[in-house]
Amino acid sequence: MMRAPGPPFQKTALTYGKIDIQAGAKPVTALSTLLEWQRDWANLDTYDAVIDLVKNHFGAYGVGAEYASTMVHGAPPTPFPEYVVPKPAPAYK
């Protein structure tokens, strides 16, 4: 069921989402969609790109992927940039 986008109000979007679910739509996440598209993990053409996306954008699942690739498969650790704490913004007066 395709629906034209309505007003950008959160309540409206949630209502449309509930209507779609009642009509049989299954909510999915970006991670589940990405993993479904990859599906064949023996496909090395896209494996590295998918794992890179997972490690950098999918939190705890990415940590698990990093652990599996380094501890189980013997790959070198992924070099992540060092986190720098931002300076607080000046107070509004």
C-alpha atoms as a PDB file:
ATOM      1  CA  MET A   1       0.000   0.000   0.000  1.00  0.00           C
ATOM      2  CA  MET A   2       1.710   3.210  -1.166  1.00  0.00           C
ATOM      3  CA  ARG A   3       0.749   6.451   0.477  1.00  0.00           C
ATOM      4  CA  ALA A   4       1.638  10.003  -0.455  1.00  0.00           C
ATOM      5  CA  PRO A   5       3.522  11.787   2.308  1.00  0.00           C
ATOM      6  CA  GLY A   6       1.312  13.907   4.494  1.00  0.00           C
ATOM      7  CA  PRO A   7       2.074  16.825   6.789  1.00  0.00           C
ATOM      8  CA  PRO A   8       5.383  16.518   8.625  1.00  0.00           C
ATOM      9  CA  PHE A   9       3.841  16.091  12.053  1.00  0.00           C
ATOM     10  CA  GLN A  10       5.098  13.280  14.260  1.00  0.00           C
ATOM     11  CA  LYS A  11       1.607  12.245  15.344  1.00  0.00           C
ATOM     12  CA  THR A  12       0.524  11.993  11.710  1.00  0.00           C
ATOM     13  CA  ALA A  13       3.557   9.871  10.820  1.00  0.00           C
ATOM     14  CA  LEU A  14       2.924   7.559  13.772  1.00  0.00           C
ATOM     15  CA  THR A  15      -0.743   7.243  12.801  1.00  0.00           C
ATOM     16  CA  TYR A  16       0.182   6.341   9.209  1.00  0.00           C
ATOM     17  CA  GLY A  17       2.684   3.814  10.560  1.00  0.00           C
ATOM     18  CA  LYS A  18       0.012   2.169  12.717  1.00  0.00           C
ATOM     19  CA  ILE A  19      -2.412   2.058   9.787  1.00  0.00           C
ATOM     20  CA  ASP A  20       0.239   0.430   7.605  1.00  0.00           C
ATOM     21  CA  ILE A  21       0.998  -2.169  10.299  1.00  0.00           C
ATOM     22  CA  GLN A  22      -2.715  -2.946  10.653  1.00  0.00           C
ATOM     23  CA  ALA A  23      -2.815  -3.427   6.877  1.00  0.00           C
ATOM     24  CA  GLY A  24      -0.046  -6.029   7.132  1.00  0.00           C
ATOM     25  CA  ALA A  25       3.184  -4.053   6.751  1.00  0.00           C
ATOM     26  CA  LYS A  26       6.132  -5.347   8.779  1.00  0.00           C
ATOM     27  CA  PRO A  27       8.346  -2.687  10.378  1.00  0.00           C
ATOM     28  CA  VAL A  28      12.048  -3.222   9.711  1.00  0.00           C
ATOM     29  CA  THR A  29      15.276  -1.527  10.755  1.00  0.00           C
ATOM     30  CA  ALA A  30      18.125  -0.322   8.578  1.00  0.00           C
ATOM     31  CA  LEU A  31      20.307  -3.083  10.022  1.00  0.00           C
ATOM     32  CA  SER A  32      17.880  -5.887   9.219  1.00  0.00           C
ATOM     33  CA  THR A  33      17.459  -4.516   5.685  1.00  0.00           C
ATOM     34  CA  LEU A  34      21.228  -4.272   5.170  1.00  0.00           C
ATOM     35  CA  LEU A  35      21.791  -7.819   6.404  1.00  0.00           C
ATOM     36  CA  GLU A  36      18.950  -9.130   4.230  1.00  0.00           C
ATOM     37  CA  TRP A  37      20.476  -7.481   1.153  1.00  0.00           C
ATOM     38  CA  GLN A  38      23.862  -8.999   1.943  1.00  0.00           C
ATOM     39  CA  ARG A  39      22.401 -12.415   2.814  1.00  0.00           C
ATOM     40  CA  ASP A  40      25.186 -14.405   1.136  1.00  0.00           C
ATOM     41  CA  TRP A  41      28.176 -13.824   3.405  1.00  0.00           C
ATOM     42  CA  ALA A  42      30.398 -15.759   1.017  1.00  0.00           C
ATOM     43  CA  ASN A  43      29.921 -12.909  -1.492  1.00  0.00           C
ATOM     44  CA  LEU A  44      33.241 -11.152  -0.921  1.00  0.00           C
ATOM     45  CA  ASP A  45      32.437  -8.374  -3.401  1.00  0.00           C
ATOM     46  CA  THR A  46      30.248  -6.619  -0.829  1.00  0.00           C
ATOM     47  CA  TYR A  47      31.330  -8.271   2.447  1.00  0.00           C
ATOM     48  CA  ASP A  48      33.945  -5.680   3.440  1.00  0.00           C
ATOM     49  CA  ALA A  49      31.654  -2.731   2.700  1.00  0.00           C
ATOM     50  CA  VAL A  50      28.791  -4.223   4.722  1.00  0.00           C
ATOM     51  CA  ILE A  51      31.048  -5.008   7.681  1.00  0.00           C
ATOM     52  CA  ASP A  52      32.486  -1.476   7.515  1.00  0.00           C
ATOM     53  CA  LEU A  53      28.981   0.004   7.632  1.00  0.00           C
ATOM     54  CA  VAL A  54      28.002  -2.242  10.535  1.00  0.00           C
ATOM     55  CA  LYS A  55      31.130  -1.444  12.574  1.00  0.00           C
ATOM     56  CA  ASN A  56      30.773   2.305  12.094  1.00  0.00           C
ATOM     57  CA  HIS A  57      27.023   2.836  12.328  1.00  0.00           C
ATOM     58  CA  PHE A  58      25.288   0.057  14.251  1.00  0.00           C
ATOM     59  CA  GLY A  59      26.440   0.362  17.855  1.00  0.00           C
ATOM     60  CA  ALA A  60      26.574  -2.853  19.866  1.00  0.00           C
ATOM     61  CA  TYR A  61      26.041  -5.001  16.767  1.00  0.00           C
ATOM     62  CA  GLY A  62      29.065  -3.288  15.232  1.00  0.00           C
ATOM     63  CA  VAL A  63      31.118  -4.038  18.354  1.00  0.00           C
ATOM     64  CA  GLY A  64      30.157  -7.700  17.963  1.00  0.00           C
ATOM     65  CA  ALA A  65      31.180  -7.623  14.305  1.00  0.00           C
ATOM     66  CA  GLU A  66      34.515  -6.080  15.289  1.00  0.00           C
ATOM     67  CA  TYR A  67      35.026  -8.771  17.937  1.00  0.00           C
ATOM     68  CA  ALA A  68      34.183 -11.566  15.509  1.00  0.00           C
ATOM     69  CA  SER A  69      36.445 -10.245  12.764  1.00  0.00           C
ATOM     70  CA  THR A  70      39.439  -9.706  15.072  1.00  0.00           C
ATOM     71  CA  MET A  71      39.153 -12.535  17.600  1.00  0.00           C
ATOM     72  CA  VAL A  72      37.569 -15.269  15.485  1.00  0.00           C
ATOM     73  CA  HIS A  73      38.828 -14.501  11.975  1.00  0.00           C
ATOM     74  CA  GLY A  74      42.188 -12.988  12.971  1.00  0.00           C
ATOM     75  CA  ALA A  75      41.733  -9.700  11.105  1.00  0.00           C
ATOM     76  CA  PRO A  76      43.626  -6.632  12.349  1.00  0.00           C
ATOM     77  CA  PRO A  77      41.626  -4.249  14.561  1.00  0.00           C
ATOM     78  CA  THR A  78      39.737  -1.476  12.808  1.00  0.00           C
ATOM     79  CA  PRO A  79      41.430   1.916  13.328  1.00  0.00           C
ATOM     80  CA  PHE A  80      38.674   4.155  14.673  1.00  0.00           C
ATOM     81  CA  PRO A  81      39.324   7.903  15.026  1.00  0.00           C
ATOM     82  CA  GLU A  82      39.994   9.068  18.559  1.00  0.00           C
ATOM     83  CA  TYR A  83      36.960  10.655  20.174  1.00  0.00           C
ATOM     84  CA  VAL A  84      37.449  14.289  21.120  1.00  0.00           C
ATOM     85  CA  VAL A  85      35.067  15.775  23.654  1.00  0.00           C
ATOM     86  CA  PRO A  86      33.591  18.952  22.150  1.00  0.00           C
ATOM     87  CA  LYS A  87      33.938  22.202  24.066  1.00  0.00           C
ATOM     88  CA  PRO A  88      30.682  23.481  25.572  1.00  0.00           C
ATOM     89  CA  ALA A  89      28.906  26.160  23.595  1.00  0.00           C
ATOM     90  CA  PRO A  90      28.794  29.600  25.145  1.00  0.00           C
ATOM     91  CA  ALA A  91      25.695  30.248  27.240  1.00  0.00           C
ATOM     92  CA  TYR A  92      22.919  32.293  25.655  1.00  0.00           C
ATOM     93  CA  LYS A  93      22.444  35.668  27.324  1.00  0.00           C
END
